[in-house]
Amino acid sequence: MARPVYVEHALPFDCLLIGLGALLFVLGILDFYAPELFDVGGWGYYLVSIGFIVLLAGVLLLYGYVKRVRSFNKMMAVKSKKEFVAIKDELEYTAWRLPSRFDEKVANKKKEFDVK
């Protein structure tokens, strides 16, 4: 089964959310403090609120992605077949939550240790 577009391209989407949230937040702040530079009328409060929420969501999603990748890399660093078999299910689940290129790494590791 193919992964959703968001999972396949998680890193660019998370960075896009962070950039969009930061832009909206800054534009909302500019509306308060420098209305001669950027004026949206009474929408400054909404821009700040929406920008903050989108920025926070982007940061949390990026944190989760980076945490999963670090966990995956730590699990892939095992050197013995016994350790690999013990963490195989957790490794496969972590790879399932990451882009498909991580599945290929798991398949190669399985071949290396001759595990099904």
PDB file of N, CA and C in Angstrom:
ATOM      1  N   MET A   1       0.840  -1.170   0.000  1.00  0.00           N
ATOM      2  CA  MET A   1       0.000   0.000   0.000  1.00  0.00           C
ATOM      3  C   MET A   1       0.890   1.240   0.000  1.00  0.00           C
ATOM      4  N   ALA A   2       0.570   2.164  -0.841  1.00  0.00           N
ATOM      5  CA  ALA A   2       1.368   3.384  -0.959  1.00  0.00           C
ATOM      6  C   ALA A   2       1.125   4.292   0.252  1.00  0.00           C
ATOM      7  N   ARG A   3       2.159   4.996   0.600  1.00  0.00           N
ATOM      8  CA  ARG A   3       2.047   5.917   1.723  1.00  0.00           C
ATOM      9  C   ARG A   3       1.417   7.229   1.257  1.00  0.00           C
ATOM     10  N   PRO A   4       0.790   7.948   2.185  1.00  0.00           N
ATOM     11  CA  PRO A   4       0.245   9.259   1.822  1.00  0.00           C
ATOM     12  C   PRO A   4       1.360  10.218   1.400  1.00  0.00           C
ATOM     13  N   VAL A   5       0.983  11.207   0.632  1.00  0.00           N
ATOM     14  CA  VAL A   5       1.954  12.195   0.139  1.00  0.00           C
ATOM     15  C   VAL A   5       2.648  12.876   1.314  1.00  0.00           C
ATOM     16  N   TYR A   6       1.901  13.147   2.377  1.00  0.00           N
ATOM     17  CA  TYR A   6       2.517  13.825   3.514  1.00  0.00           C
ATOM     18  C   TYR A   6       3.634  12.990   4.129  1.00  0.00           C
ATOM     19  N   VAL A   7       3.442  11.682   4.210  1.00  0.00           N
ATOM     20  CA  VAL A   7       4.470  10.832   4.814  1.00  0.00           C
ATOM     21  C   VAL A   7       5.691  10.759   3.905  1.00  0.00           C
ATOM     22  N   GLU A   8       5.469  10.651   2.600  1.00  0.00           N
ATOM     23  CA  GLU A   8       6.584  10.560   1.660  1.00  0.00           C
ATOM     24  C   GLU A   8       7.412  11.849   1.617  1.00  0.00           C
ATOM     25  N   HIS A   9       6.777  12.965   1.838  1.00  0.00           N
ATOM     26  CA  HIS A   9       7.463  14.264   1.752  1.00  0.00           C
ATOM     27  C   HIS A   9       7.298  15.042   3.060  1.00  0.00           C
ATOM     28  N   ALA A  10       7.498  14.370   4.175  1.00  0.00           N
ATOM     29  CA  ALA A  10       7.263  14.979   5.482  1.00  0.00           C
ATOM     30  C   ALA A  10       8.189  16.159   5.757  1.00  0.00           C
ATOM     31  N   LEU A  11       9.452  16.022   5.443  1.00  0.00           N
ATOM     32  CA  LEU A  11      10.402  17.085   5.753  1.00  0.00           C
ATOM     33  C   LEU A  11      10.093  18.386   5.004  1.00  0.00           C
ATOM     34  N   PRO A  12       9.861  18.360   3.686  1.00  0.00           N
ATOM     35  CA  PRO A  12       9.511  19.621   3.017  1.00  0.00           C
ATOM     36  C   PRO A  12       8.184  20.218   3.495  1.00  0.00           C
ATOM     37  N   PHE A  13       7.190  19.355   3.781  1.00  0.00           N
ATOM     38  CA  PHE A  13       5.911  19.870   4.282  1.00  0.00           C
ATOM     39  C   PHE A  13       6.069  20.536   5.638  1.00  0.00           C
ATOM     40  N   ASP A  14       6.843  19.927   6.514  1.00  0.00           N
ATOM     41  CA  ASP A  14       7.055  20.508   7.837  1.00  0.00           C
ATOM     42  C   ASP A  14       7.776  21.849   7.734  1.00  0.00           C
ATOM     43  N   CYS A  15       8.777  21.908   6.882  1.00  0.00           N
ATOM     44  CA  CYS A  15       9.499  23.174   6.689  1.00  0.00           C
ATOM     45  C   CYS A  15       8.590  24.233   6.064  1.00  0.00           C
ATOM     46  N   LEU A  16       7.719  23.813   5.155  1.00  0.00           N
ATOM     47  CA  LEU A  16       6.760  24.738   4.544  1.00  0.00           C
ATOM     48  C   LEU A  16       5.798  25.286   5.595  1.00  0.00           C
ATOM     49  N   LEU A  17       5.319  24.432   6.478  1.00  0.00           N
ATOM     50  CA  LEU A  17       4.441  24.895   7.550  1.00  0.00           C
ATOM     51  C   LEU A  17       5.151  25.888   8.465  1.00  0.00           C
ATOM     52  N   ILE A  18       6.394  25.602   8.797  1.00  0.00           N
ATOM     53  CA  ILE A  18       7.155  26.515   9.648  1.00  0.00           C
ATOM     54  C   ILE A  18       7.332  27.862   8.953  1.00  0.00           C
ATOM     55  N   GLY A  19       7.686  27.838   7.678  1.00  0.00           N
ATOM     56  CA  GLY A  19       7.862  29.086   6.937  1.00  0.00           C
ATOM     57  C   GLY A  19       6.570  29.878   6.811  1.00  0.00           C
ATOM     58  N   LEU A  20       5.480  29.192   6.486  1.00  0.00           N
ATOM     59  CA  LEU A  20       4.187  29.870   6.347  1.00  0.00           C
ATOM     60  C   LEU A  20       3.725  30.440   7.685  1.00  0.00           C
ATOM     61  N   GLY A  21       3.881  29.657   8.745  1.00  0.00           N
ATOM     62  CA  GLY A  21       3.494  30.140  10.071  1.00  0.00           C
ATOM     63  C   GLY A  21       4.314  31.342  10.499  1.00  0.00           C
ATOM     64  N   ALA A  22       5.616  31.297  10.253  1.00  0.00           N
ATOM     65  CA  ALA A  22       6.479  32.424  10.618  1.00  0.00           C
ATOM     66  C   ALA A  22       6.103  33.663   9.817  1.00  0.00           C
ATOM     67  N   LEU A  23       5.817  33.478   8.522  1.00  0.00           N
ATOM     68  CA  LEU A  23       5.432  34.616   7.679  1.00  0.00           C
ATOM     69  C   LEU A  23       4.139  35.256   8.173  1.00  0.00           C
ATOM     70  N   LEU A  24       3.123  34.442   8.435  1.00  0.00           N
ATOM     71  CA  LEU A  24       1.853  34.985   8.924  1.00  0.00           C
ATOM     72  C   LEU A  24       2.025  35.666  10.272  1.00  0.00           C
ATOM     73  N   PHE A  25       2.824  35.064  11.141  1.00  0.00           N
ATOM     74  CA  PHE A  25       3.062  35.637  12.459  1.00  0.00           C
ATOM     75  C   PHE A  25       3.749  36.994  12.350  1.00  0.00           C
ATOM     76  N   VAL A  26       4.773  37.069  11.522  1.00  0.00           N
ATOM     77  CA  VAL A  26       5.508  38.340  11.348  1.00  0.00           C
ATOM     78  C   VAL A  26       4.614  39.401  10.712  1.00  0.00           C
ATOM     79  N   LEU A  27       3.813  39.003   9.727  1.00  0.00           N
ATOM     80  CA  LEU A  27       2.915  39.980   9.103  1.00  0.00           C
ATOM     81  C   LEU A  27       1.886  40.498  10.098  1.00  0.00           C
ATOM     82  N   GLY A  28       1.399  39.624  10.972  1.00  0.00           N
ATOM     83  CA  GLY A  28       0.467  40.062  12.002  1.00  0.00           C
ATOM     84  C   GLY A  28       1.118  41.020  12.985  1.00  0.00           C
ATOM     85  N   ILE A  29       2.350  40.740  13.368  1.00  0.00           N
ATOM     86  CA  ILE A  29       3.083  41.637  14.278  1.00  0.00           C
ATOM     87  C   ILE A  29       3.342  42.984  13.595  1.00  0.00           C
ATOM     88  N   LEU A  30       3.717  42.937  12.314  1.00  0.00           N
ATOM     89  CA  LEU A  30       3.937  44.192  11.587  1.00  0.00           C
ATOM     90  C   LEU A  30       2.671  45.038  11.520  1.00  0.00           C
ATOM     91  N   ASP A  31       1.528  44.394  11.451  1.00  0.00           N
ATOM     92  CA  ASP A  31       0.273  45.141  11.415  1.00  0.00           C
ATOM     93  C   ASP A  31       0.063  45.909  12.715  1.00  0.00           C
ATOM     94  N   PHE A  32       0.548  45.337  13.833  1.00  0.00           N
ATOM     95  CA  PHE A  32       0.404  46.039  15.119  1.00  0.00           C
ATOM     96  C   PHE A  32       1.392  47.180  15.268  1.00  0.00           C
ATOM     97  N   TYR A  33       2.665  46.902  14.969  1.00  0.00           N
ATOM     98  CA  TYR A  33       3.722  47.850  15.302  1.00  0.00           C
ATOM     99  C   TYR A  33       4.151  48.760  14.167  1.00  0.00           C
ATOM    100  N   ALA A  34       3.913  48.380  12.934  1.00  0.00           N
ATOM    101  CA  ALA A  34       4.295  49.223  11.798  1.00  0.00           C
ATOM    102  C   ALA A  34       3.203  49.170  10.731  1.00  0.00           C
ATOM    103  N   PRO A  35       2.041  49.748  11.023  1.00  0.00           N
ATOM    104  CA  PRO A  35       0.947  49.673  10.049  1.00  0.00           C
ATOM    105  C   PRO A  35       1.248  50.431   8.750  1.00  0.00           C
ATOM    106  N   GLU A  36       2.244  51.321   8.785  1.00  0.00           N
ATOM    107  CA  GLU A  36       2.598  52.020   7.543  1.00  0.00           C
ATOM    108  C   GLU A  36       3.338  51.089   6.577  1.00  0.00           C
ATOM    109  N   LEU A  37       3.992  50.040   7.091  1.00  0.00           N
ATOM    110  CA  LEU A  37       4.671  49.062   6.237  1.00  0.00           C
ATOM    111  C   LEU A  37       3.710  47.995   5.728  1.00  0.00           C
ATOM    112  N   PHE A  38       2.857  47.513   6.599  1.00  0.00           N
ATOM    113  CA  PHE A  38       1.940  46.438   6.242  1.00  0.00           C
ATOM    114  C   PHE A  38       0.654  46.624   7.025  1.00  0.00           C
ATOM    115  N   ASP A  39      -0.428  46.891   6.323  1.00  0.00           N
ATOM    116  CA  ASP A  39      -1.699  47.142   6.983  1.00  0.00           C
ATOM    117  C   ASP A  39      -2.767  46.213   6.409  1.00  0.00           C
ATOM    118  N   VAL A  40      -3.355  45.415   7.277  1.00  0.00           N
ATOM    119  CA  VAL A  40      -4.444  44.533   6.850  1.00  0.00           C
ATOM    120  C   VAL A  40      -5.731  44.874   7.580  1.00  0.00           C
ATOM    121  N   GLY A  41      -5.788  46.031   8.113  1.00  0.00           N
ATOM    122  CA  GLY A  41      -6.987  46.450   8.814  1.00  0.00           C
ATOM    123  C   GLY A  41      -7.068  45.776  10.174  1.00  0.00           C
ATOM    124  N   GLY A  42      -8.205  45.197  10.464  1.00  0.00           N
ATOM    125  CA  GLY A  42      -8.398  44.533  11.748  1.00  0.00           C
ATOM    126  C   GLY A  42      -8.006  43.067  11.739  1.00  0.00           C
ATOM    127  N   TRP A  43      -7.326  42.618  10.712  1.00  0.00           N
ATOM    128  CA  TRP A  43      -6.991  41.201  10.578  1.00  0.00           C
ATOM    129  C   TRP A  43      -5.668  40.829  11.233  1.00  0.00           C
ATOM    130  N   GLY A  44      -4.976  41.772  11.839  1.00  0.00           N
ATOM    131  CA  GLY A  44      -3.682  41.491  12.456  1.00  0.00           C
ATOM    132  C   GLY A  44      -3.761  40.446  13.554  1.00  0.00           C
ATOM    133  N   TYR A  45      -4.818  40.525  14.371  1.00  0.00           N
ATOM    134  CA  TYR A  45      -4.991  39.536  15.442  1.00  0.00           C
ATOM    135  C   TYR A  45      -5.150  38.132  14.873  1.00  0.00           C
ATOM    136  N   TYR A  46      -5.909  38.030  13.798  1.00  0.00           N
ATOM    137  CA  TYR A  46      -6.108  36.716  13.172  1.00  0.00           C
ATOM    138  C   TYR A  46      -4.804  36.191  12.562  1.00  0.00           C
ATOM    139  N   LEU A  47      -4.044  37.076  11.931  1.00  0.00           N
ATOM    140  CA  LEU A  47      -2.776  36.644  11.349  1.00  0.00           C
ATOM    141  C   LEU A  47      -1.807  36.145  12.414  1.00  0.00           C
ATOM    142  N   VAL A  48      -1.742  36.857  13.525  1.00  0.00           N
ATOM    143  CA  VAL A  48      -0.850  36.431  14.608  1.00  0.00           C
ATOM    144  C   VAL A  48      -1.314  35.089  15.164  1.00  0.00           C
ATOM    145  N   SER A  49      -2.604  34.944  15.384  1.00  0.00           N
ATOM    146  CA  SER A  49      -3.137  33.696  15.948  1.00  0.00           C
ATOM    147  C   SER A  49      -2.923  32.517  15.010  1.00  0.00           C
ATOM    148  N   ILE A  50      -3.313  32.673  13.763  1.00  0.00           N
ATOM    149  CA  ILE A  50      -3.171  31.591  12.791  1.00  0.00           C
ATOM    150  C   ILE A  50      -1.697  31.285  12.549  1.00  0.00           C
ATOM    151  N   GLY A  51      -0.888  32.334  12.438  1.00  0.00           N
ATOM    152  CA  GLY A  51       0.544  32.145  12.234  1.00  0.00           C
ATOM    153  C   GLY A  51       1.181  31.378  13.370  1.00  0.00           C
ATOM    154  N   PHE A  52       0.804  31.700  14.596  1.00  0.00           N
ATOM    155  CA  PHE A  52       1.365  31.005  15.754  1.00  0.00           C
ATOM    156  C   PHE A  52       0.962  29.533  15.749  1.00  0.00           C
ATOM    157  N   ILE A  53      -0.309  29.250  15.453  1.00  0.00           N
ATOM    158  CA  ILE A  53      -0.790  27.865  15.437  1.00  0.00           C
ATOM    159  C   ILE A  53      -0.103  27.064  14.345  1.00  0.00           C
ATOM    160  N   VAL A  54       0.015  27.630  13.147  1.00  0.00           N
ATOM    161  CA  VAL A  54       0.665  26.928  12.037  1.00  0.00           C
ATOM    162  C   VAL A  54       2.155  26.732  12.324  1.00  0.00           C
ATOM    163  N   LEU A  55       2.795  27.739  12.877  1.00  0.00           N
ATOM    164  CA  LEU A  55       4.213  27.632  13.243  1.00  0.00           C
ATOM    165  C   LEU A  55       4.419  26.543  14.293  1.00  0.00           C
ATOM    166  N   LEU A  56       3.581  26.532  15.306  1.00  0.00           N
ATOM    167  CA  LEU A  56       3.677  25.516  16.359  1.00  0.00           C
ATOM    168  C   LEU A  56       3.447  24.119  15.786  1.00  0.00           C
ATOM    169  N   ALA A  57       2.458  23.968  14.917  1.00  0.00           N
ATOM    170  CA  ALA A  57       2.194  22.662  14.303  1.00  0.00           C
ATOM    171  C   ALA A  57       3.389  22.205  13.471  1.00  0.00           C
ATOM    172  N   GLY A  58       3.975  23.106  12.698  1.00  0.00           N
ATOM    173  CA  GLY A  58       5.132  22.761  11.889  1.00  0.00           C
ATOM    174  C   GLY A  58       6.322  22.332  12.731  1.00  0.00           C
ATOM    175  N   VAL A  59       6.562  23.041  13.817  1.00  0.00           N
ATOM    176  CA  VAL A  59       7.683  22.704  14.706  1.00  0.00           C
ATOM    177  C   VAL A  59       7.452  21.340  15.356  1.00  0.00           C
ATOM    178  N   LEU A  60       6.221  21.086  15.809  1.00  0.00           N
ATOM    179  CA  LEU A  60       5.938  19.795  16.449  1.00  0.00           C
ATOM    180  C   LEU A  60       6.034  18.642  15.447  1.00  0.00           C
ATOM    181  N   LEU A  61       5.535  18.835  14.236  1.00  0.00           N
ATOM    182  CA  LEU A  61       5.638  17.784  13.219  1.00  0.00           C
ATOM    183  C   LEU A  61       7.090  17.526  12.831  1.00  0.00           C
ATOM    184  N   LEU A  62       7.871  18.578  12.699  1.00  0.00           N
ATOM    185  CA  LEU A  62       9.289  18.418  12.382  1.00  0.00           C
ATOM    186  C   LEU A  62      10.023  17.706  13.515  1.00  0.00           C
ATOM    187  N   TYR A  63       9.703  18.056  14.744  1.00  0.00           N
ATOM    188  CA  TYR A  63      10.306  17.390  15.897  1.00  0.00           C
ATOM    189  C   TYR A  63       9.993  15.894  15.886  1.00  0.00           C
ATOM    190  N   GLY A  64       8.742  15.547  15.609  1.00  0.00           N
ATOM    191  CA  GLY A  64       8.354  14.140  15.547  1.00  0.00           C
ATOM    192  C   GLY A  64       9.073  13.391  14.444  1.00  0.00           C
ATOM    193  N   TYR A  65       9.222  14.029  13.297  1.00  0.00           N
ATOM    194  CA  TYR A  65       9.924  13.399  12.177  1.00  0.00           C
ATOM    195  C   TYR A  65      11.398  13.156  12.523  1.00  0.00           C
ATOM    196  N   VAL A  66      12.039  14.169  13.062  1.00  0.00           N
ATOM    197  CA  VAL A  66      13.457  14.050  13.411  1.00  0.00           C
ATOM    198  C   VAL A  66      13.647  12.994  14.506  1.00  0.00           C
ATOM    199  N   LYS A  67      12.732  12.950  15.453  1.00  0.00           N
ATOM    200  CA  LYS A  67      12.814  11.960  16.523  1.00  0.00           C
ATOM    201  C   LYS A  67      12.684  10.540  15.964  1.00  0.00           C
ATOM    202  N   ARG A  68      11.748  10.328  15.019  1.00  0.00           N
ATOM    203  CA  ARG A  68      11.589   9.006  14.403  1.00  0.00           C
ATOM    204  C   ARG A  68      12.819   8.615  13.596  1.00  0.00           C
ATOM    205  N   VAL A  69      13.397   9.571  12.863  1.00  0.00           N
ATOM    206  CA  VAL A  69      14.589   9.268  12.067  1.00  0.00           C
ATOM    207  C   VAL A  69      15.757   8.909  12.976  1.00  0.00           C
ATOM    208  N   ARG A  70      15.940   9.633  14.061  1.00  0.00           N
ATOM    209  CA  ARG A  70      17.022   9.312  15.002  1.00  0.00           C
ATOM    210  C   ARG A  70      16.815   7.938  15.626  1.00  0.00           C
ATOM    211  N   SER A  71      15.577   7.637  15.987  1.00  0.00           N
ATOM    212  CA  SER A  71      15.275   6.329  16.552  1.00  0.00           C
ATOM    213  C   SER A  71      15.557   5.230  15.535  1.00  0.00           C
ATOM    214  N   PHE A  72      15.166   5.462  14.285  1.00  0.00           N
ATOM    215  CA  PHE A  72      15.411   4.497  13.217  1.00  0.00           C
ATOM    216  C   PHE A  72      16.911   4.270  13.038  1.00  0.00           C
ATOM    217  N   ASN A  73      17.668   5.332  12.965  1.00  0.00           N
ATOM    218  CA  ASN A  73      19.119   5.205  12.778  1.00  0.00           C
ATOM    219  C   ASN A  73      19.778   4.488  13.953  1.00  0.00           C
ATOM    220  N   LYS A  74      19.295   4.737  15.159  1.00  0.00           N
ATOM    221  CA  LYS A  74      19.838   4.061  16.333  1.00  0.00           C
ATOM    222  C   LYS A  74      19.553   2.565  16.258  1.00  0.00           C
ATOM    223  N   MET A  75      18.326   2.208  15.826  1.00  0.00           N
ATOM    224  CA  MET A  75      17.984   0.791  15.709  1.00  0.00           C
ATOM    225  C   MET A  75      18.742   0.120  14.571  1.00  0.00           C
ATOM    226  N   MET A  76      19.024   0.854  13.514  1.00  0.00           N
ATOM    227  CA  MET A  76      19.754   0.271  12.379  1.00  0.00           C
ATOM    228  C   MET A  76      21.233   0.061  12.698  1.00  0.00           C
ATOM    229  N   ALA A  77      21.711   0.654  13.764  1.00  0.00           N
ATOM    230  CA  ALA A  77      23.137   0.559  14.105  1.00  0.00           C
ATOM    231  C   ALA A  77      23.497  -0.724  14.847  1.00  0.00           C
ATOM    232  N   VAL A  78      22.523  -1.595  15.070  1.00  0.00           N
ATOM    233  CA  VAL A  78      22.828  -2.837  15.778  1.00  0.00           C
ATOM    234  C   VAL A  78      23.772  -3.694  14.944  1.00  0.00           C
ATOM    235  N   LYS A  79      24.626  -4.435  15.631  1.00  0.00           N
ATOM    236  CA  LYS A  79      25.658  -5.215  14.944  1.00  0.00           C
ATOM    237  C   LYS A  79      25.400  -6.721  14.973  1.00  0.00           C
ATOM    238  N   SER A  80      24.527  -7.189  15.867  1.00  0.00           N
ATOM    239  CA  SER A  80      24.327  -8.633  15.955  1.00  0.00           C
ATOM    240  C   SER A  80      22.924  -9.019  15.481  1.00  0.00           C
ATOM    241  N   LYS A  81      22.818 -10.229  15.004  1.00  0.00           N
ATOM    242  CA  LYS A  81      21.546 -10.749  14.523  1.00  0.00           C
ATOM    243  C   LYS A  81      20.547 -10.870  15.675  1.00  0.00           C
ATOM    244  N   LYS A  82      21.022 -11.260  16.845  1.00  0.00           N
ATOM    245  CA  LYS A  82      20.148 -11.416  18.007  1.00  0.00           C
ATOM    246  C   LYS A  82      19.480 -10.092  18.372  1.00  0.00           C
ATOM    247  N   GLU A  83      20.252  -9.012  18.412  1.00  0.00           N
ATOM    248  CA  GLU A  83      19.697  -7.691  18.716  1.00  0.00           C
ATOM    249  C   GLU A  83      18.728  -7.244  17.629  1.00  0.00           C
ATOM    250  N   PHE A  84      19.078  -7.540  16.378  1.00  0.00           N
ATOM    251  CA  PHE A  84      18.221  -7.134  15.268  1.00  0.00           C
ATOM    252  C   PHE A  84      16.876  -7.840  15.325  1.00  0.00           C
ATOM    253  N   VAL A  85      16.874  -9.125  15.605  1.00  0.00           N
ATOM    254  CA  VAL A  85      15.623  -9.884  15.686  1.00  0.00           C
ATOM    255  C   VAL A  85      14.771  -9.353  16.835  1.00  0.00           C
ATOM    256  N   ALA A  86      15.394  -8.958  17.933  1.00  0.00           N
ATOM    257  CA  ALA A  86      14.670  -8.449  19.090  1.00  0.00           C
ATOM    258  C   ALA A  86      13.954  -7.132  18.790  1.00  0.00           C
ATOM    259  N   ILE A  87      14.542  -6.293  17.938  1.00  0.00           N
ATOM    260  CA  ILE A  87      13.939  -4.980  17.657  1.00  0.00           C
ATOM    261  C   ILE A  87      13.297  -4.908  16.283  1.00  0.00           C
ATOM    262  N   LYS A  88      13.198  -6.036  15.592  1.00  0.00           N
ATOM    263  CA  LYS A  88      12.726  -6.036  14.206  1.00  0.00           C
ATOM    264  C   LYS A  88      11.321  -5.442  14.060  1.00  0.00           C
ATOM    265  N   ASP A  89      10.395  -5.814  14.923  1.00  0.00           N
ATOM    266  CA  ASP A  89       9.025  -5.300  14.818  1.00  0.00           C
ATOM    267  C   ASP A  89       8.973  -3.788  15.031  1.00  0.00           C
ATOM    268  N   GLU A  90       9.685  -3.330  16.045  1.00  0.00           N
ATOM    269  CA  GLU A  90       9.715  -1.885  16.309  1.00  0.00           C
ATOM    270  C   GLU A  90      10.388  -1.134  15.159  1.00  0.00           C
ATOM    271  N   LEU A  91      11.422  -1.718  14.599  1.00  0.00           N
ATOM    272  CA  LEU A  91      12.121  -1.108  13.468  1.00  0.00           C
ATOM    273  C   LEU A  91      11.212  -1.016  12.250  1.00  0.00           C
ATOM    274  N   GLU A  92      10.477  -2.088  11.966  1.00  0.00           N
ATOM    275  CA  GLU A  92       9.561  -2.075  10.823  1.00  0.00           C
ATOM    276  C   GLU A  92       8.436  -1.061  11.022  1.00  0.00           C
ATOM    277  N   TYR A  93       7.926  -0.947  12.246  1.00  0.00           N
ATOM    278  CA  TYR A  93       6.870   0.037  12.512  1.00  0.00           C
ATOM    279  C   TYR A  93       7.402   1.460  12.343  1.00  0.00           C
ATOM    280  N   THR A  94       8.598   1.707  12.834  1.00  0.00           N
ATOM    281  CA  THR A  94       9.198   3.039  12.677  1.00  0.00           C
ATOM    282  C   THR A  94       9.426   3.347  11.205  1.00  0.00           C
ATOM    283  N   ALA A  95       9.899   2.367  10.442  1.00  0.00           N
ATOM    284  CA  ALA A  95      10.114   2.570   9.004  1.00  0.00           C
ATOM    285  C   ALA A  95       8.794   2.794   8.284  1.00  0.00           C
ATOM    286  N   TRP A  96       7.730   2.178   8.751  1.00  0.00           N
ATOM    287  CA  TRP A  96       6.405   2.351   8.138  1.00  0.00           C
ATOM    288  C   TRP A  96       5.901   3.775   8.318  1.00  0.00           C
ATOM    289  N   ARG A  97       6.290   4.441   9.400  1.00  0.00           N
ATOM    290  CA  ARG A  97       5.865   5.815   9.658  1.00  0.00           C
ATOM    291  C   ARG A  97       6.766   6.847   8.984  1.00  0.00           C
ATOM    292  N   LEU A  98       7.799   6.376   8.292  1.00  0.00           N
ATOM    293  CA  LEU A  98       8.739   7.250   7.583  1.00  0.00           C
ATOM    294  C   LEU A  98       8.602   7.027   6.081  1.00  0.00           C
ATOM    295  N   PRO A  99       9.249   7.867   5.256  1.00  0.00           N
ATOM    296  CA  PRO A  99       9.186   7.673   3.799  1.00  0.00           C
ATOM    297  C   PRO A  99       9.679   6.289   3.375  1.00  0.00           C
ATOM    298  N   SER A 100       9.283   5.863   2.189  1.00  0.00           N
ATOM    299  CA  SER A 100       9.535   4.500   1.724  1.00  0.00           C
ATOM    300  C   SER A 100      11.020   4.173   1.572  1.00  0.00           C
ATOM    301  N   ARG A 101      11.878   5.161   1.462  1.00  0.00           N
ATOM    302  CA  ARG A 101      13.307   4.862   1.345  1.00  0.00           C
ATOM    303  C   ARG A 101      13.836   4.167   2.602  1.00  0.00           C
ATOM    304  N   PHE A 102      13.173   4.359   3.730  1.00  0.00           N
ATOM    305  CA  PHE A 102      13.584   3.695   4.962  1.00  0.00           C
ATOM    306  C   PHE A 102      13.215   2.217   4.933  1.00  0.00           C
ATOM    307  N   ASP A 103      12.156   1.854   4.215  1.00  0.00           N
ATOM    308  CA  ASP A 103      11.811   0.437   4.047  1.00  0.00           C
ATOM    309  C   ASP A 103      12.921  -0.306   3.314  1.00  0.00           C
ATOM    310  N   GLU A 104      13.505   0.355   2.343  1.00  0.00           N
ATOM    311  CA  GLU A 104      14.600  -0.261   1.596  1.00  0.00           C
ATOM    312  C   GLU A 104      15.797  -0.531   2.505  1.00  0.00           C
ATOM    313  N   LYS A 105      16.067   0.375   3.416  1.00  0.00           N
ATOM    314  CA  LYS A 105      17.171   0.169   4.356  1.00  0.00           C
ATOM    315  C   LYS A 105      16.898  -1.024   5.270  1.00  0.00           C
ATOM    316  N   VAL A 106      15.644  -1.169   5.697  1.00  0.00           N
ATOM    317  CA  VAL A 106      15.280  -2.311   6.543  1.00  0.00           C
ATOM    318  C   VAL A 106      15.429  -3.607   5.749  1.00  0.00           C
ATOM    319  N   ALA A 107      14.995  -3.600   4.491  1.00  0.00           N
ATOM    320  CA  ALA A 107      15.119  -4.803   3.654  1.00  0.00           C
ATOM    321  C   ALA A 107      16.584  -5.189   3.466  1.00  0.00           C
ATOM    322  N   ASN A 108      17.434  -4.212   3.266  1.00  0.00           N
ATOM    323  CA  ASN A 108      18.866  -4.499   3.130  1.00  0.00           C
ATOM    324  C   ASN A 108      19.447  -5.066   4.426  1.00  0.00           C
ATOM    325  N   LYS A 109      19.021  -4.536   5.559  1.00  0.00           N
ATOM    326  CA  LYS A 109      19.501  -5.028   6.850  1.00  0.00           C
ATOM    327  C   LYS A 109      19.018  -6.461   7.081  1.00  0.00           C
ATOM    328  N   LYS A 110      17.772  -6.750   6.665  1.00  0.00           N
ATOM    329  CA  LYS A 110      17.260  -8.120   6.784  1.00  0.00           C
ATOM    330  C   LYS A 110      18.069  -9.085   5.938  1.00  0.00           C
ATOM    331  N   LYS A 111      18.439  -8.650   4.736  1.00  0.00           N
ATOM    332  CA  LYS A 111      19.279  -9.483   3.892  1.00  0.00           C
ATOM    333  C   LYS A 111      20.655  -9.724   4.534  1.00  0.00           C
ATOM    334  N   GLU A 112      21.186  -8.673   5.126  1.00  0.00           N
ATOM    335  CA  GLU A 112      22.510  -8.772   5.756  1.00  0.00           C
ATOM    336  C   GLU A 112      22.500  -9.813   6.871  1.00  0.00           C
ATOM    337  N   PHE A 113      21.436  -9.849   7.666  1.00  0.00           N
ATOM    338  CA  PHE A 113      21.355 -10.796   8.775  1.00  0.00           C
ATOM    339  C   PHE A 113      20.591 -12.070   8.404  1.00  0.00           C
ATOM    340  N   ASP A 114      20.110 -12.177   7.172  1.00  0.00           N
ATOM    341  CA  ASP A 114      19.362 -13.336   6.687  1.00  0.00           C
ATOM    342  C   ASP A 114      18.139 -13.600   7.566  1.00  0.00           C
ATOM    343  N   VAL A 115      17.318 -12.546   7.727  1.00  0.00           N
ATOM    344  CA  VAL A 115      16.100 -12.611   8.530  1.00  0.00           C
ATOM    345  C   VAL A 115      14.921 -12.347   7.599  1.00  0.00           C
ATOM    346  N   LYS A 116      13.817 -13.031   7.853  1.00  0.00           N
ATOM    347  CA  LYS A 116      12.602 -12.798   7.044  1.00  0.00           C
ATOM    348  C   LYS A 116      11.633 -11.898   7.749  1.00  0.00           C
TER     349      LYS A 116
END
